[in-house]
């Protein structure tokens, strides 16, 4: 697979060649690229018949595995449509969202309403080929002490131990298993013409529904105060009929697990402390 095992920087060096190969294979006319992200490279393009689409090159990494398959399962129901997928190049052609405004740019409560409406549409009953949330949580449990040490012990060990215990318990006591978008926040929902809002960039897992609110609860772009965080947790769990304590626990666990790759670690740890105090 193109780019598998490479650092993000080394993979970026392959992008020009991958773009040319994809343009040739799919007979694309390439346009302006979108702002590059850590998880991939997307560019506006047109098919041979003039249909506007997006060519996305996925940076091969653990969380992006089966991204195309998740879009295929959703089939355009609340998410962008997958048009083509090249497994070897980790390349997708997907529906273009226009005007493409980020959900994070609208009023916070209005954005929350959109997310509450979208989430149940994504909870499809599936199994293979997606990684189980249980496996992911157990992997976090194993990696957290090493990541914490490597980051210079950015918070006290007692908090780390509490999070590890929480994840270990949640992993083996889950409810019904559904397809989850584990990175669903305001920057991964775009305004579109086919529907008012469409989800992009899944990092799929299969697990219980309560996990899926984690990226929304910690989304500081929707407001970063203790009141904001607990308001999102309470509203999401109440309106979607979810177990508040399990949703709170999963948010704490994933937020810490993902914080070591973030430049916003202090913000995420603050969110975690607010949630733990709200037990």
Protein backbone atom coordinates (compact mmCIF):
# COMPACT_ATOMS: atom_id res chain seq x y z
CA UNK A 1 0.00 0.00 0.00
CA UNK A 2 1.38 3.39 -0.99
CA UNK A 3 2.85 5.18 1.99
CA UNK A 4 2.14 2.43 4.54
CA UNK A 5 4.60 2.63 7.43
CA UNK A 6 5.94 6.07 6.47
CA UNK A 7 6.04 9.12 8.67
CA UNK A 8 3.60 11.85 7.70
CA UNK A 9 6.45 13.97 6.34
CA UNK A 10 7.80 11.15 4.18
CA UNK A 11 4.29 10.37 2.92
CA UNK A 12 3.78 13.99 1.88
CA UNK A 13 6.76 13.64 -0.44
CA UNK A 14 4.81 10.92 -2.29
CA UNK A 15 1.69 13.07 -2.70
CA UNK A 16 2.60 14.72 -6.06
CA UNK A 17 3.18 11.32 -7.68
CA UNK A 18 0.03 9.87 -6.13
CA UNK A 19 -2.02 12.80 -7.42
CA UNK A 20 -0.70 12.29 -10.95
CA UNK A 21 -1.36 8.55 -10.83
CA UNK A 22 -4.92 9.04 -9.59
CA UNK A 23 -5.60 11.74 -12.18
CA UNK A 24 -4.45 9.38 -14.92
CA UNK A 25 -6.35 6.32 -13.65
CA UNK A 26 -9.62 8.16 -13.04
CA UNK A 27 -9.27 10.71 -15.86
CA UNK A 28 -9.49 13.68 -13.52
CA UNK A 29 -8.90 17.36 -14.02
CA UNK A 30 -7.31 18.50 -10.76
CA UNK A 31 -8.12 21.86 -9.21
CA UNK A 32 -7.25 23.70 -6.02
CA UNK A 33 -6.27 21.69 -2.94
CA UNK A 34 -8.00 22.06 0.39
CA UNK A 35 -6.02 23.03 3.48
CA UNK A 36 -3.81 20.03 4.20
CA UNK A 37 -4.56 18.10 7.36
CA UNK A 38 -2.64 15.57 9.42
CA UNK A 39 -4.80 12.68 8.20
CA UNK A 40 -4.62 13.24 4.46
CA UNK A 41 -4.53 15.49 1.42
CA UNK A 42 -7.67 16.53 -0.47
CA UNK A 43 -7.99 18.38 -3.74
CA UNK A 44 -10.90 19.63 -5.79
CA UNK A 45 -11.26 17.76 -9.08
CA UNK A 46 -13.63 17.18 -11.98
CA UNK A 47 -14.49 13.90 -13.63
CA UNK A 48 -14.16 13.56 -17.39
CA UNK A 49 -17.85 14.50 -17.75
CA UNK A 50 -17.33 17.66 -15.68
CA UNK A 51 -18.85 16.36 -12.43
CA UNK A 52 -17.21 18.14 -9.49
CA UNK A 53 -15.77 15.75 -6.90
CA UNK A 54 -12.96 15.56 -4.33
CA UNK A 55 -9.87 13.40 -4.60
CA UNK A 56 -8.69 12.47 -1.13
CA UNK A 57 -5.38 10.78 -0.41
CA UNK A 58 -5.47 9.17 3.03
CA UNK A 59 -2.30 9.18 5.10
CA UNK A 60 -1.98 5.46 5.97
CA UNK A 61 -2.27 5.13 9.72
CA UNK A 62 -4.15 3.05 12.27
CA UNK A 63 -7.19 5.26 12.80
CA UNK A 64 -7.84 5.77 9.06
CA UNK A 65 -8.08 2.07 8.27
CA UNK A 66 -11.39 1.26 6.57
CA UNK A 67 -12.35 4.93 6.12
CA UNK A 68 -13.64 4.17 2.63
CA UNK A 69 -15.61 1.16 3.87
CA UNK A 70 -17.33 3.31 6.50
CA UNK A 71 -18.45 5.74 3.80
CA UNK A 72 -19.64 2.76 1.75
CA UNK A 73 -21.71 1.47 4.68
CA UNK A 74 -23.31 4.88 5.23
CA UNK A 75 -24.11 5.13 1.54
CA UNK A 76 -24.53 8.89 1.60
CA UNK A 77 -27.00 8.80 4.51
CA UNK A 78 -25.80 11.83 6.48
CA UNK A 79 -22.26 11.47 5.10
CA UNK A 80 -20.45 12.24 1.86
CA UNK A 81 -20.86 9.62 -0.83
CA UNK A 82 -17.93 7.41 -1.77
CA UNK A 83 -17.56 7.23 -5.55
CA UNK A 84 -14.36 5.23 -6.01
CA UNK A 85 -11.62 3.75 -3.84
CA UNK A 86 -8.09 2.67 -4.75
CA UNK A 87 -6.90 0.47 -1.89
CA UNK A 88 -3.30 0.34 -3.09
CA UNK A 89 -2.94 4.14 -3.06
CA UNK A 90 -5.29 4.81 -0.13
CA UNK A 91 -7.11 7.17 -2.50
CA UNK A 92 -10.81 8.00 -2.67
CA UNK A 93 -13.10 9.94 -4.93
CA UNK A 94 -15.88 11.44 -2.86
CA UNK A 95 -18.80 13.78 -3.27
CA UNK A 96 -17.88 17.46 -3.13
CA UNK A 97 -19.63 19.53 -0.47
CA UNK A 98 -20.56 23.03 -1.55
CA UNK A 99 -20.40 25.62 -0.10
CA UNK A 100 -18.49 23.46 2.37
CA UNK A 101 -18.82 25.66 5.47
CA UNK A 102 -17.50 23.99 8.61
CA UNK A 103 -20.17 23.19 11.19
CA UNK A 104 -17.77 24.59 13.80
CA UNK A 105 -18.32 28.05 12.30
CA UNK A 106 -22.00 28.30 13.24
CA UNK A 107 -23.66 28.93 16.60
CA UNK A 108 -22.66 26.26 19.13
CA UNK A 109 -26.18 25.19 20.10
CA UNK A 110 -27.25 25.06 16.46
CA UNK A 111 -24.19 22.92 15.68
CA UNK A 112 -25.09 20.59 18.53
CA UNK A 113 -28.60 20.18 17.10
CA UNK A 114 -27.08 19.15 13.76
CA UNK A 115 -24.82 16.58 15.41
CA UNK A 116 -27.67 15.14 17.48
CA UNK A 117 -29.69 14.67 14.28
CA UNK A 118 -26.78 13.09 12.37
CA UNK A 119 -25.49 10.62 14.95
CA UNK A 120 -28.34 8.05 14.85
CA UNK A 121 -28.05 7.88 11.07
CA UNK A 122 -24.43 6.75 11.40
CA UNK A 123 -25.12 3.97 13.92
CA UNK A 124 -25.32 1.08 11.47
CA UNK A 125 -25.17 -2.54 12.65
CA UNK A 126 -21.92 -3.90 11.19
CA UNK A 127 -18.94 -6.00 12.19
CA UNK A 128 -16.11 -6.72 9.76
CA UNK A 129 -13.78 -5.26 8.65
CA UNK A 130 -13.86 -2.57 11.32
CA UNK A 131 -11.72 -2.64 14.47
CA UNK A 132 -13.71 -3.24 17.67
CA UNK A 133 -13.77 -0.44 20.22
CA UNK A 134 -12.77 -3.03 22.82
CA UNK A 135 -9.51 -3.70 20.99
CA UNK A 136 -8.85 0.02 20.58
CA UNK A 137 -9.47 0.74 24.26
CA UNK A 138 -7.21 -2.12 25.34
CA UNK A 139 -4.52 -0.78 23.00
CA UNK A 140 -4.84 2.63 24.64
CA UNK A 141 -4.49 1.03 28.07
CA UNK A 142 -1.21 -0.56 26.99
CA UNK A 143 0.14 2.61 25.30
CA UNK A 144 -0.92 5.30 27.76
CA UNK A 145 1.94 4.89 30.29
CA UNK A 146 4.54 5.02 27.50
CA UNK A 147 2.88 8.02 25.83
CA UNK A 148 2.59 9.80 29.18
CA UNK A 149 6.29 9.26 29.90
CA UNK A 150 7.25 10.34 26.39
CA UNK A 151 5.25 13.55 26.72
CA UNK A 152 7.15 14.50 29.87
CA UNK A 153 4.47 13.44 32.38
CA UNK A 154 2.17 16.40 31.55
CA UNK A 155 -0.29 15.56 34.34
CA UNK A 156 -0.19 13.58 37.58
CA UNK A 157 0.09 9.79 37.57
CA UNK A 158 -3.06 9.44 39.65
CA UNK A 159 -5.13 10.84 36.78
CA UNK A 160 -3.46 8.49 34.32
CA UNK A 161 -4.20 5.47 36.51
CA UNK A 162 -7.82 6.53 36.89
CA UNK A 163 -8.22 6.79 33.12
CA UNK A 164 -6.58 3.40 32.53
CA UNK A 165 -8.91 1.73 35.03
CA UNK A 166 -11.92 3.44 33.48
CA UNK A 167 -11.03 2.32 29.94
CA UNK A 168 -10.35 -1.26 31.04
CA UNK A 169 -13.77 -1.47 32.68
CA UNK A 170 -15.71 0.18 29.85
CA UNK A 171 -14.06 -1.98 27.17
CA UNK A 172 -15.50 -5.26 28.49
CA UNK A 173 -18.97 -4.06 29.54
CA UNK A 174 -20.37 -2.56 26.35
CA UNK A 175 -23.87 -2.63 24.95
CA UNK A 176 -25.04 -3.11 21.36
CA UNK A 177 -22.29 -2.70 18.76
CA UNK A 178 -22.69 -0.21 15.90
CA UNK A 179 -20.48 1.68 13.46
CA UNK A 180 -18.87 4.70 15.12
CA UNK A 181 -17.20 7.84 13.79
CA UNK A 182 -14.59 8.39 16.48
CA UNK A 183 -13.62 11.88 15.28
CA UNK A 184 -17.01 13.51 14.76
CA UNK A 185 -16.62 17.18 15.63
CA UNK A 186 -17.43 20.56 14.09
CA UNK A 187 -14.58 20.49 11.57
CA UNK A 188 -15.68 17.13 10.17
CA UNK A 189 -19.17 18.18 9.13
CA UNK A 190 -19.62 20.38 6.05
CA UNK A 191 -22.53 22.30 4.55
CA UNK A 192 -23.68 20.80 1.24
CA UNK A 193 -26.32 20.98 -1.46
CA UNK A 194 -27.71 17.43 -1.33
CA UNK A 195 -28.31 17.80 2.42
CA UNK A 196 -27.75 20.80 4.67
CA UNK A 197 -24.85 19.05 6.45
CA UNK A 198 -22.74 15.99 5.62
CA UNK A 199 -20.16 14.11 7.69
CA UNK A 200 -16.62 13.59 6.39
CA UNK A 201 -13.38 11.92 7.51
CA UNK A 202 -14.54 8.91 9.50
CA UNK A 203 -12.08 7.10 11.72
CA UNK A 204 -14.29 4.07 12.12
CA UNK A 205 -14.69 1.65 14.99
CA UNK A 206 -17.43 -0.73 16.04
CA UNK A 207 -18.63 -0.28 19.59
CA UNK A 208 -21.42 1.01 21.78
CA UNK A 209 -23.22 4.24 20.98
CA UNK A 210 -22.09 6.04 24.14
CA UNK A 211 -18.55 6.29 22.78
CA UNK A 212 -19.60 8.37 19.79
CA UNK A 213 -20.30 11.54 21.80
CA UNK A 214 -16.69 11.81 23.04
CA UNK A 215 -15.27 14.04 20.27
CA UNK A 216 -18.30 16.31 20.47
CA UNK A 217 -18.21 16.74 24.23
CA UNK A 218 -14.53 17.75 24.15
CA UNK A 219 -14.85 19.95 21.03
CA UNK A 220 -13.48 23.21 22.44
CA UNK A 221 -14.57 25.08 19.29
CA UNK A 222 -18.14 24.65 20.54
CA UNK A 223 -17.19 26.38 23.79
CA UNK A 224 -14.53 25.60 26.37
CA UNK A 225 -15.82 26.12 29.89
CA UNK A 226 -16.93 23.56 32.45
CA UNK A 227 -20.51 24.61 31.78
CA UNK A 228 -20.09 24.18 28.00
CA UNK A 229 -18.61 20.69 28.32
CA UNK A 230 -21.25 19.41 30.75
CA UNK A 231 -24.03 21.03 28.71
CA UNK A 232 -22.92 19.06 25.64
CA UNK A 233 -22.64 15.83 27.62
CA UNK A 234 -26.07 16.27 29.22
CA UNK A 235 -27.85 17.30 26.06
CA UNK A 236 -26.32 14.58 23.87
CA UNK A 237 -27.01 11.78 26.31
CA UNK A 238 -30.50 13.00 27.19
CA UNK A 239 -31.75 13.59 23.65
CA UNK A 240 -30.14 10.45 22.23
CA UNK A 241 -31.14 8.18 25.11
CA UNK A 242 -27.57 7.28 26.07
CA UNK A 243 -26.08 6.23 29.40
CA UNK A 244 -24.53 9.44 30.73
CA UNK A 245 -21.91 7.78 32.92
CA UNK A 246 -20.63 5.53 30.16
CA UNK A 247 -20.55 8.45 27.72
CA UNK A 248 -18.67 10.52 30.29
CA UNK A 249 -16.19 7.69 30.84
CA UNK A 250 -15.53 7.14 27.14
CA UNK A 251 -15.01 10.88 26.65
CA UNK A 252 -12.45 10.94 29.45
CA UNK A 253 -10.67 7.88 28.08
CA UNK A 254 -10.45 8.86 24.43
CA UNK A 255 -9.61 12.47 25.22
CA UNK A 256 -6.57 11.44 27.25
CA UNK A 257 -5.56 8.76 24.72
CA UNK A 258 -5.63 11.29 21.88
CA UNK A 259 -4.18 14.21 23.82
CA UNK A 260 -0.54 13.20 23.38
CA UNK A 261 -0.73 13.77 19.61
CA UNK A 262 -2.33 17.18 20.10
CA UNK A 263 -0.96 20.68 20.56
CA UNK A 264 -3.96 21.28 22.82
CA UNK A 265 -3.06 18.80 25.54
CA UNK A 266 -3.61 21.32 28.36
CA UNK A 267 -7.10 22.11 27.02
CA UNK A 268 -7.97 18.42 26.77
CA UNK A 269 -6.71 17.64 30.26
CA UNK A 270 -8.77 20.53 31.62
CA UNK A 271 -11.84 19.02 29.93
CA UNK A 272 -11.04 15.63 31.46
CA UNK A 273 -10.79 17.11 34.96
CA UNK A 274 -14.16 18.83 34.59
CA UNK A 275 -15.73 15.54 33.51
CA UNK A 276 -14.18 13.54 36.34
CA UNK A 277 -15.39 16.12 38.87
CA UNK A 278 -18.91 15.77 37.47
CA UNK A 279 -19.24 12.11 38.47
